[in-house]
Protein backbone atom coordinates (compact mmCIF):
# COMPACT_ATOMS: atom_id res chain seq x y z
CA MET A 1 190.79 23.59 203.77
CA LYS A 2 189.62 26.96 203.03
CA SER A 3 193.00 28.06 201.37
CA ILE A 4 192.59 25.33 199.14
CA ILE A 5 189.27 26.44 198.39
CA THR A 6 189.99 30.09 197.70
CA ILE A 7 193.22 28.81 195.15
CA ILE A 8 190.51 27.04 193.57
CA ARG A 9 188.11 29.46 193.47
CA ILE A 10 190.12 31.47 191.94
CA ALA A 11 191.07 29.61 189.64
CA VAL A 12 187.77 28.62 187.74
CA GLY A 13 186.94 32.18 188.05
CA TRP A 14 190.26 33.16 185.59
CA HIS A 15 188.57 29.91 182.83
CA PHE A 16 185.20 31.73 183.33
CA LEU A 17 186.25 35.48 183.20
CA TYR A 18 188.81 35.44 180.32
CA GLU A 19 187.05 32.82 178.23
CA GLY A 20 184.37 35.41 178.71
CA LEU A 21 186.86 38.42 177.07
CA VAL A 22 188.50 36.19 174.99
CA LYS A 23 184.23 35.87 172.58
CA LEU A 24 183.91 40.08 174.31
CA PHE A 25 186.78 40.97 172.41
CA SER A 26 186.87 38.88 169.09
CA ASN A 27 185.60 40.29 166.10
CA ASN A 28 182.11 38.74 165.53
CA TRP A 29 181.97 35.53 167.65
CA SER A 30 179.02 33.66 167.60
CA SER A 31 178.03 30.59 169.05
CA GLU A 32 175.33 30.09 166.25
CA SER A 33 177.95 27.12 165.36
CA TYR A 34 178.04 25.70 169.05
CA LEU A 35 174.86 25.69 169.25
CA SER A 36 173.92 24.38 165.06
CA ASN A 37 175.49 20.83 165.96
CA THR A 38 174.49 20.33 169.34
CA TYR A 39 172.68 16.63 169.81
CA GLY A 40 171.22 14.87 172.35
CA LEU A 41 167.93 14.80 174.40
CA PHE A 42 167.52 18.33 174.55
CA SER A 43 169.88 19.27 170.61
CA GLY A 44 165.73 21.16 169.83
CA VAL A 45 166.03 23.38 171.02
CA TYR A 46 169.74 24.79 171.31
CA HIS A 47 168.77 24.61 167.20
CA TRP A 48 165.58 26.59 168.25
CA LEU A 49 168.00 29.03 169.62
CA ALA A 50 170.37 29.09 167.04
CA ALA A 51 167.61 29.68 164.07
CA SER A 52 166.64 33.44 165.24
CA PRO A 53 168.89 35.76 164.42
CA GLU A 54 167.45 38.09 167.64
CA ARG A 55 167.00 34.96 169.77
CA LEU A 56 170.82 34.32 168.93
CA GLN A 57 172.01 38.01 169.63
CA VAL A 58 170.19 37.66 173.13
CA VAL A 59 172.15 34.00 173.77
CA ASP A 60 176.10 35.38 172.92
CA PHE A 61 175.24 38.73 175.13
CA LEU A 62 174.50 36.15 178.11
CA ASN A 63 176.98 33.80 177.01
CA ILE A 64 179.79 36.79 176.94
CA TRP A 65 178.75 38.83 180.04
CA GLY A 66 177.67 35.37 181.95
CA LEU A 67 180.82 34.55 182.14
CA ILE A 68 182.57 37.70 182.35
CA LEU A 69 180.70 38.92 185.83
CA ILE A 70 180.68 35.28 186.81
CA GLY A 71 184.31 34.94 186.36
CA VAL A 72 185.62 38.96 188.24
CA ALA A 73 183.40 37.33 191.27
CA LEU A 74 184.57 34.01 191.99
CA PHE A 75 188.02 35.42 191.10
CA VAL A 76 187.62 38.56 193.60
CA GLY A 77 185.87 36.87 195.98
CA ILE A 78 182.81 38.50 196.01
CA PHE A 79 179.19 36.97 195.64
CA ILE A 80 180.67 34.06 195.72
CA ARG A 81 177.38 32.15 196.41
CA MET A 82 175.41 33.85 193.53
CA ALA A 83 178.33 33.55 191.13
CA SER A 84 178.74 30.40 191.67
CA LEU A 85 175.26 28.57 191.14
CA SER A 86 175.30 30.96 188.34
CA GLY A 87 178.72 28.82 186.87
CA PHE A 88 176.79 26.18 187.78
CA LEU A 89 173.72 26.42 185.71
CA LEU A 90 175.32 28.06 182.61
CA LEU A 91 177.53 24.40 183.03
CA VAL A 92 175.26 22.59 182.76
CA LEU A 93 173.72 23.81 179.71
CA TYR A 94 176.40 23.09 177.97
CA TYR A 95 177.39 19.88 179.39
CA PHE A 96 173.92 19.30 177.81
CA ALA A 97 174.47 20.39 174.38
CA TYR A 98 177.17 17.76 173.98
CA PRO A 99 176.84 14.95 176.15
CA PRO A 100 179.62 12.77 177.07
CA PHE A 101 177.48 9.97 177.05
CA GLY A 102 180.08 7.42 175.04
CA VAL A 103 181.40 10.10 173.21
CA SER A 104 181.87 14.21 172.63
CA LEU A 105 181.98 15.71 169.54
CA LEU A 106 183.77 18.39 171.17
CA GLY A 107 187.37 15.30 171.73
CA GLY A 108 190.73 15.96 172.70
CA ASP A 109 189.92 14.62 175.93
CA GLY A 110 189.66 10.54 175.63
CA THR A 111 186.96 8.88 176.06
CA LEU A 112 184.06 10.09 177.73
CA TYR A 113 181.03 8.56 179.70
CA ILE A 114 178.75 10.79 181.52
CA VAL A 115 181.86 12.35 183.57
CA ASP A 116 183.76 15.40 181.73
CA LYS A 117 185.62 18.13 182.26
CA ILE A 118 182.64 20.58 182.35
CA LEU A 119 180.99 18.15 184.87
CA ILE A 120 183.79 18.64 187.37
CA GLU A 121 184.16 21.98 187.01
CA ALA A 122 180.29 22.38 188.02
CA ALA A 123 180.52 19.81 190.78
CA VAL A 124 183.27 22.44 192.14
CA LEU A 125 181.31 25.34 191.12
CA LEU A 126 178.70 23.72 193.66
CA PHE A 127 181.42 22.58 196.06
CA ILE A 128 182.12 26.05 196.38
CA ALA A 129 178.38 27.36 196.82
CA PHE A 130 177.71 25.62 199.92
CA SER A 131 180.94 26.27 201.80
CA ARG A 132 182.12 28.38 204.46
CA GLU A 133 183.73 30.86 201.65
CA LYS A 134 180.23 32.79 201.02
CA GLY A 135 182.30 36.02 199.64
CA TYR A 136 179.94 39.02 200.01
CA GLY A 137 176.97 38.68 199.04
CA PRO A 138 173.76 41.07 200.47
CA GLU A 139 173.10 38.63 203.15
CA ASN A 140 176.96 39.10 204.26
CA LEU A 141 177.39 42.69 203.72
CA PHE A 142 174.16 43.14 205.64
CA ASN A 143 175.17 41.17 208.81
CA LEU A 144 179.22 43.07 208.43
CA LYS A 145 177.04 46.39 208.53
CA HIS A 146 175.58 45.18 211.52
CA LEU A 147 178.61 43.94 213.70
CA ARG A 148 180.63 46.88 212.90
CA ALA A 149 177.16 48.91 213.88
CA ALA A 150 177.58 46.81 217.46
CA TYR A 151 181.76 47.43 218.01
CA ARG A 152 180.99 51.15 217.69
CA LYS A 153 178.71 50.31 221.10
CA GLU A 154 180.37 48.11 222.49
CA LYS A 155 177.62 45.03 222.70
CA THR A 156 178.92 43.15 220.83
CA LEU A 157 180.09 39.76 221.81
CA PRO A 158 182.96 37.98 221.70
CA GLU A 159 182.09 35.16 219.53
CA GLU A 160 180.75 38.43 217.04
CA LYS A 161 183.90 40.35 217.53
CA GLU A 162 185.47 37.94 216.76
CA GLU A 163 183.65 37.40 213.45
CA LEU A 164 184.26 40.70 212.31
CA LYS A 165 187.50 40.34 212.61
CA ARG A 166 187.59 36.72 210.77
CA SER A 167 185.01 39.71 207.79
CA ARG A 168 187.99 42.32 207.60
CA ARG A 169 191.12 39.44 207.31
CA GLU A 170 188.78 37.50 204.00
CA ALA A 171 188.17 41.12 203.45
CA VAL A 172 192.44 41.46 203.45
CA LYS A 173 192.48 38.59 201.10
CA ASN A 174 190.44 38.49 198.34
CA LEU A 175 191.41 42.72 197.66
CA LEU A 176 194.44 40.47 197.57
CA THR A 177 193.46 38.55 193.88
CA LEU A 178 193.15 42.60 192.14
CA PRO A 179 196.73 42.52 191.64
CA LEU A 180 196.85 38.92 190.35
CA LEU A 181 194.75 39.92 188.46
CA GLY A 182 196.07 42.67 187.31
CA VAL A 183 198.74 40.63 186.20
CA PHE A 184 196.99 37.51 184.40
CA GLY A 185 194.97 40.03 182.47
CA TRP A 186 198.53 42.08 181.18
CA GLY A 187 199.68 38.60 180.36
CA ALA A 188 196.83 37.69 178.73
CA ALA A 189 195.72 41.28 176.63
CA ARG A 190 200.20 40.75 176.01
CA SER A 191 198.82 38.03 174.21
CA ARG A 192 196.57 39.53 172.17
CA ARG A 193 198.53 41.50 171.00
CA LEU A 194 201.28 39.29 170.35
CA TYR A 195 199.38 36.43 168.69
CA ASP A 196 196.25 38.30 167.67
CA ILE A 197 194.18 35.66 168.25
CA ASP A 198 194.09 33.02 170.95
CA ALA A 199 193.57 29.23 169.56
CA SER A 200 193.43 27.59 173.34
CA THR A 201 189.76 28.77 173.63
CA GLY A 202 188.77 27.80 170.27
CA ALA A 203 186.59 31.00 170.93
CA THR A 204 188.28 32.90 168.30
CA ILE A 205 189.59 30.17 165.82
CA ARG A 206 188.83 31.76 162.43
CA ILE A 207 188.56 30.52 158.89
CA ASN A 208 188.23 31.67 155.78
CA ARG A 209 184.08 29.96 156.15
CA VAL A 210 180.74 31.16 155.12
CA SER A 211 177.93 31.07 157.51
CA LEU A 212 175.40 28.97 157.51
CA GLY A 213 173.39 32.20 157.65
CA GLU A 214 174.43 33.23 154.42
CA LEU A 215 173.27 30.19 152.41
CA LYS A 216 171.77 31.45 149.01
CA GLY A 217 168.39 29.15 149.42
CA GLU A 218 167.73 25.32 149.36
CA LEU A 219 170.01 22.66 147.77
CA PRO A 220 167.57 21.10 144.44
CA LYS A 221 167.17 17.39 145.21
CA GLY A 222 166.37 14.19 142.95
CA LYS A 223 165.28 10.43 143.43
CA LEU A 224 167.46 8.09 143.81
CA GLY A 225 166.64 4.27 144.96
CA GLY A 226 163.58 5.70 146.40
CA PHE A 227 165.51 8.20 148.42
CA GLU A 228 165.46 11.49 147.80
CA ILE A 229 169.09 12.51 147.30
CA SER A 230 170.80 16.52 147.77
CA ARG A 231 172.34 16.94 144.18
CA LEU A 232 175.04 17.48 146.45
CA ILE A 233 177.14 15.00 147.64
CA MET A 234 179.61 14.67 149.91
CA GLY A 235 182.86 12.82 149.57
CA GLY A 236 184.13 9.94 151.82
CA ASN A 237 187.48 10.83 151.44
CA LEU A 238 186.52 13.32 154.35
CA ILE A 239 186.55 10.50 156.56
CA GLY A 240 188.12 7.91 154.86
CA GLY A 241 192.02 9.86 154.86
CA TRP A 242 192.58 9.85 151.25
CA ALA A 243 194.07 13.09 149.46
CA HIS A 244 194.91 13.36 146.33
CA ALA A 245 198.03 15.23 146.37
CA ARG A 246 199.96 14.82 142.78
CA ASP A 247 203.53 15.16 144.72
CA LEU A 248 202.45 17.22 148.06
CA LEU A 249 204.39 14.35 150.16
CA TYR A 250 202.82 16.05 153.43
CA ALA A 251 199.40 17.26 152.46
CA GLY A 252 197.79 13.38 153.29
CA SER A 253 199.60 13.76 156.96
CA LEU A 254 198.08 17.22 156.76
CA PHE A 255 194.59 16.14 154.92
CA LYS A 256 194.90 13.88 158.11
CA ALA A 257 195.35 15.35 160.98
CA TYR A 258 192.87 18.34 160.04
CA ASN A 259 190.35 15.40 159.72
CA THR A 260 190.02 14.24 163.51
CA GLU A 261 186.76 12.36 164.42
CA LYS A 262 185.58 15.34 165.58
CA LYS A 263 186.09 17.26 162.95
CA ILE A 264 185.27 14.89 160.34
CA PHE A 265 181.52 15.42 162.46
CA GLU A 266 181.28 18.55 162.98
CA THR A 267 181.75 18.84 159.36
CA LEU A 268 178.82 16.27 158.64
CA MET A 269 176.72 17.56 160.71
CA LEU A 270 177.43 21.38 158.25
CA CYS A 271 176.52 19.77 156.16
CA GLU A 272 173.13 18.15 156.78
CA GLN A 273 171.89 22.10 158.46
CA ALA A 274 173.59 23.30 154.15
CA GLY A 275 170.79 20.46 152.70
CA ILE A 276 173.57 18.22 151.68
CA ASN A 277 171.97 14.76 152.78
CA ALA A 278 173.71 11.89 151.80
CA ILE A 279 177.79 10.53 151.67
CA ASN A 280 179.21 8.21 149.75
CA ILE A 281 182.06 6.80 151.74
CA GLY A 282 184.82 3.56 151.11
CA TYR A 283 184.15 0.05 152.75
CA PRO A 284 187.05 0.44 156.03
CA THR A 285 185.01 3.20 157.59
CA MET A 286 181.84 2.29 157.65
CA THR A 287 181.99 2.72 161.66
CA VAL A 288 182.57 5.74 161.75
CA MET A 289 179.45 6.34 159.76
CA GLN A 290 177.45 4.25 162.50
CA LYS A 291 179.16 6.22 165.22
CA TYR A 292 177.99 9.15 163.43
CA LYS A 293 174.60 8.56 162.92
CA LYS A 294 174.06 6.81 166.56
CA ILE A 295 175.05 9.09 168.55
CA THR A 296 174.14 12.85 166.38
CA GLY A 297 171.04 10.72 165.64
CA SER A 298 171.38 11.60 161.15
CA LYS A 299 168.87 10.84 158.63
CA ILE A 300 171.89 11.01 156.08
CA LYS A 301 171.56 8.71 153.59
CA VAL A 302 175.28 6.61 153.00
CA THR A 303 176.07 5.56 150.25
CA VAL A 304 178.41 2.51 150.47
CA GLN A 305 181.54 1.25 147.76
CA VAL A 306 182.37 -2.38 148.20
CA GLY A 307 185.05 -4.72 146.76
CA ILE A 308 185.87 -8.20 146.90
CA ASP A 309 187.53 -9.81 149.95
CA ARG A 310 189.89 -12.46 148.67
CA GLU A 311 190.71 -13.17 152.25
CA HIS A 312 186.57 -14.35 152.24
CA GLU A 313 185.71 -17.87 149.92
CA ASP A 314 182.03 -16.07 149.47
CA ILE A 315 182.78 -12.95 147.56
CA TYR A 316 180.19 -11.41 148.07
CA HIS A 317 180.82 -11.19 152.00
CA ASN A 318 181.39 -6.98 151.61
CA VAL A 319 177.42 -6.82 150.62
CA THR A 320 176.46 -8.60 153.01
CA HIS A 321 178.88 -6.84 155.98
CA ALA A 322 177.34 -3.38 154.27
CA ILE A 323 173.82 -4.45 154.29
CA ASP A 324 174.31 -5.30 158.14
CA SER A 325 176.02 -3.10 158.81
CA GLY A 326 173.00 -0.65 158.00
CA MET A 327 174.22 1.51 154.40
CA ASP A 328 171.54 2.78 152.33
CA MET A 329 172.75 2.08 148.65
CA ILE A 330 175.54 -0.03 147.74
CA GLN A 331 177.98 0.29 144.58
CA LEU A 332 180.85 -1.65 143.04
CA GLN A 333 184.01 0.36 144.04
CA GLY A 334 185.30 2.41 140.57
CA ASN A 335 188.93 0.85 141.04
CA TRP A 336 187.15 -2.84 141.63
CA CYS A 337 184.92 -2.05 138.54
CA ASP A 338 188.36 -1.21 136.52
CA TRP A 339 190.53 -4.20 137.87
CA LEU A 340 187.38 -7.36 136.60
CA VAL A 341 186.01 -5.62 133.37
CA ARG A 342 190.45 -5.33 132.89
CA ASP A 343 190.33 -9.01 133.53
CA GLY A 344 187.41 -10.62 132.12
CA GLU A 345 185.79 -10.65 134.90
CA GLN A 346 182.26 -9.48 133.80
CA ASP A 347 180.62 -12.27 135.90
CA VAL A 348 181.79 -11.41 138.88
CA ILE A 349 180.11 -7.83 138.47
CA ALA A 350 177.38 -8.93 137.41
CA GLY A 351 176.71 -11.32 140.10
CA ILE A 352 177.27 -8.51 143.05
CA ILE A 353 174.97 -6.00 141.04
CA ASP A 354 172.53 -9.17 141.46
CA ARG A 355 173.51 -9.63 144.89
CA ILE A 356 172.76 -5.74 145.97
CA ARG A 357 169.04 -5.74 144.32
CA SER A 358 168.04 -9.70 145.31
CA GLN A 359 168.75 -7.64 148.82
CA GLY A 360 166.51 -4.64 147.75
CA TYR A 361 169.43 -2.14 148.04
CA PRO A 362 170.67 -0.25 145.11
CA ALA A 363 172.89 -1.12 143.66
CA GLY A 364 175.60 1.56 142.11
CA MET A 365 178.83 0.72 139.72
CA GLY A 366 181.99 3.07 139.92
CA ALA A 367 184.56 3.43 137.58
CA HIS A 368 187.93 5.55 136.51
CA THR A 369 187.43 4.28 133.52
CA VAL A 370 184.77 4.67 131.26
CA ASP A 371 185.69 1.78 128.92
CA SER A 372 184.84 -0.63 132.10
CA LEU A 373 181.01 0.83 131.41
CA ILE A 374 181.04 0.60 128.27
CA THR A 375 182.31 -3.15 127.86
CA CYS A 376 179.54 -3.86 130.78
CA GLU A 377 176.85 -2.11 128.94
CA GLU A 378 177.53 -4.88 125.76
CA ASN A 379 177.14 -7.33 128.25
CA GLY A 380 173.82 -5.93 129.48
CA ILE A 381 174.98 -5.42 133.37
CA ILE A 382 173.15 -2.09 133.55
CA PRO A 383 173.32 -0.80 137.21
CA ASP A 384 170.71 0.98 139.41
CA PHE A 385 173.24 4.21 138.59
CA TYR A 386 176.04 4.51 137.28
CA MET A 387 179.33 6.70 139.97
CA LYS A 388 181.99 7.98 137.69
CA THR A 389 184.53 10.53 137.00
CA MET A 390 183.77 12.99 135.48
CA HIS A 391 186.16 16.60 134.91
CA HIS A 392 187.50 17.99 131.96
CA ASP A 393 191.17 18.45 131.83
CA ASN A 394 191.97 21.38 130.36
CA TYR A 395 194.55 22.43 133.80
CA TRP A 396 197.85 22.38 133.62
CA SER A 397 198.40 19.50 135.46
CA ALA A 398 196.50 16.34 132.85
CA HIS A 399 199.45 14.46 131.64
CA PRO A 400 199.12 14.51 127.82
CA ARG A 401 195.66 13.60 125.57
CA GLU A 402 198.22 11.12 123.91
CA ASN A 403 199.94 9.62 126.39
CA ARG A 404 196.42 8.21 128.20
CA LYS A 405 195.59 5.02 128.81
CA ALA A 406 192.43 2.94 129.92
CA PHE A 407 192.94 1.36 133.22
CA GLU A 408 196.03 3.63 134.58
CA VAL A 409 194.12 5.04 137.22
CA ASP A 410 194.48 2.44 139.37
CA GLY A 411 197.04 3.67 142.33
CA ALA A 412 200.33 3.55 139.84
CA LYS A 413 201.85 6.48 139.89
CA SER A 414 204.50 6.97 137.51
CA SER A 415 207.56 9.71 138.22
CA ASP A 416 206.81 11.07 134.74
CA HIS A 417 205.24 14.52 133.91
CA ASN A 418 204.01 12.80 130.68
CA MET A 419 202.20 9.74 131.90
CA PHE A 420 199.58 9.04 135.54
CA HIS A 421 200.46 10.69 138.29
CA ASP A 422 197.58 10.74 140.80
CA ASN A 423 196.61 13.85 138.69
CA CYS A 424 193.78 13.00 136.17
CA PHE A 425 190.28 10.74 137.30
CA CYS A 426 188.77 10.89 133.76
CA PRO A 427 191.70 10.36 131.18
CA PHE A 428 188.71 10.81 128.31
CA PRO A 429 186.03 13.71 129.17
CA ASP A 430 184.23 13.33 125.18
CA ARG A 431 184.17 9.78 125.93
CA THR A 432 182.48 10.14 129.33
CA ALA A 433 180.26 13.08 127.86
CA ALA A 434 178.75 10.51 124.86
CA PHE A 435 178.23 7.18 127.65
CA VAL A 436 176.34 9.88 129.82
CA SER A 437 174.32 11.24 126.76
CA ARG A 438 172.93 8.08 126.13
CA THR A 439 172.76 5.73 129.45
CA LYS A 440 169.21 5.80 131.17
CA VAL A 441 169.69 5.93 134.46
CA PRO A 442 171.03 7.88 137.08
CA VAL A 443 174.64 9.02 137.20
CA ILE A 444 176.53 10.46 140.30
CA GLY A 445 180.14 12.37 138.65
CA PHE A 446 182.58 12.51 140.79
CA LYS A 447 186.29 13.51 141.21
CA VAL A 448 184.67 17.08 139.08
CA LEU A 449 187.26 19.38 140.30
CA ALA A 450 189.79 16.80 139.59
CA ALA A 451 191.27 16.58 143.35
CA GLY A 452 191.30 20.39 143.90
CA ALA A 453 192.97 21.23 140.48
CA ILE A 454 189.26 22.52 139.21
CA HIS A 455 187.71 25.95 140.67
CA PRO A 456 184.32 24.32 141.59
CA LYS A 457 182.22 27.21 139.60
CA ASP A 458 183.78 25.39 136.84
CA GLY A 459 183.88 22.19 137.98
CA PHE A 460 180.07 21.48 139.01
CA LYS A 461 179.68 23.50 135.98
CA TRP A 462 180.98 20.51 133.41
CA ALA A 463 179.53 17.95 135.14
CA PHE A 464 176.29 18.92 135.16
CA GLU A 465 176.07 20.37 131.82
CA ASN A 466 177.84 16.82 130.64
CA GLY A 467 174.80 15.15 131.75
CA ALA A 468 175.35 13.98 135.59
CA ASP A 469 172.20 14.08 137.84
CA PHE A 470 174.25 14.36 140.37
CA ILE A 471 177.41 15.34 141.89
CA CYS A 472 180.28 14.09 144.90
CA VAL A 473 182.44 16.00 146.02
CA GLY A 474 185.21 15.73 148.86
CA MET A 475 185.01 19.47 150.86
CA PHE A 476 186.38 20.56 154.19
CA ASP A 477 184.34 22.18 156.42
CA PHE A 478 185.02 26.05 155.68
CA GLN A 479 184.40 24.84 151.98
CA VAL A 480 180.83 22.91 152.50
CA VAL A 481 178.40 26.50 152.44
CA ASP A 482 180.30 28.17 149.68
CA ASP A 483 179.99 24.99 148.20
CA VAL A 484 176.45 24.17 148.18
CA ASN A 485 176.09 27.92 147.19
CA ILE A 486 178.06 28.04 144.26
CA CYS A 487 175.98 24.35 143.95
CA ILE A 488 171.96 26.13 143.55
CA ASP A 489 173.71 28.76 141.25
CA THR A 490 175.49 26.55 138.50
CA LEU A 491 171.66 24.69 139.28
CA ALA A 492 169.41 27.53 138.66
CA GLN A 493 171.98 29.38 136.08
CA LEU A 494 172.10 25.42 133.71
CA SER A 495 171.66 26.34 130.08
CA GLY A 496 173.97 23.74 128.26
CA ARG A 497 172.99 20.68 129.49
CA LYS A 498 171.29 18.42 126.87
CA ARG A 499 171.05 15.18 128.91
CA GLU A 500 167.43 15.13 130.60
CA TRP A 501 167.17 15.11 134.29
CA PHE A 502 167.17 10.55 135.26
CA ALA A 503 167.26 11.38 139.49
């Protein structure tokens, strides 16, 4: 039994030690992101720690050296009780940072409720702390010194002599872990030399990411449907997994593989911390947003795109479901608006807008082709806000202007480079700009980067200068702070805008 405890103690000790060393030798490692993204009952405390560079520096120091010292003590077998209790308390702090009460943002471990690997390791340390294997804490060192003195004076009782022999055996056994520690350490050092960083701990995974501390200021906001909304809105493709990649067949799969549910939640929390307080999502992904808001307590404002569910006789089924799901604003999805106008069913569009408004919700209308919005306007169908693709066409993959047709952005792609092939979402930018310039309701520009073909500095400026009141942009987590900063700079330096702000 004691041998099993020893093996477990050494294993846990190595885990602590390696986590600490990886953080120590990882340049610019910080717990800021970990603390800032916490949720649950005590999240305010963790956020407070992350908010101050001075507090964060202290936390990082204590975290790194706490892991290292606890790991060494457990691995070698010294001060075991003290190290076990210290490790237990540290793991409790980790546990309540991301409590697994039905879900865990740390992900990758299946569906969790109360019990996760952190809690199990904490329980193991608590067991070790109160086991018979006490190590060489101050009290044990004192007793050992007393036993040696008594042994030399031949006043030692037989059971005390046995205790001295046992202590010596324990000391030899613990010393044998030093070569093992050397082997583990050599292997870890060699791995780091070969591969530079360790991808298994998460402590050193780095990409070209800008820190929240590098934000240039507060993201400007505007009024939309009674809500105060950031001028930069998060796009819903992050959640839905839709990637416009032209002829890159692997890009969609790569997009979905990267944006796991854990990564989606992390990205959304980062957006909120950076000042983005709204998101526009597709109808199928309402459940994900409901889950995110439930476990994080997020106040992010959600606009959902609806269409017509042909399986239901009630054409307003999606609107009703969106309301029941707690969405904040509802918008007719762009493809559906284009299709209904193309097929002469403007009365259906009018009915959907009226149904949304009658339930007390702001009603939006999306479109890829500006003809859809013009036709609706001519028929007196004016929403509370427009959601319109807004980008210029001065980029290589845009197919020739003379080949563009109304209603072509409907999912079908041509193999002919001279025709639409998932590459130009605002086919008539000049006509779009003209329509936006005269409308008197708020306009959200989306696809402003033409699915990555246009640089944000260029795309943001074009959309705002041509009348967009907000822009909706899909972002990976490592792009969020950069995009917020670009938006702040763009709005501060905007000089070519002629349309007044309607939000």
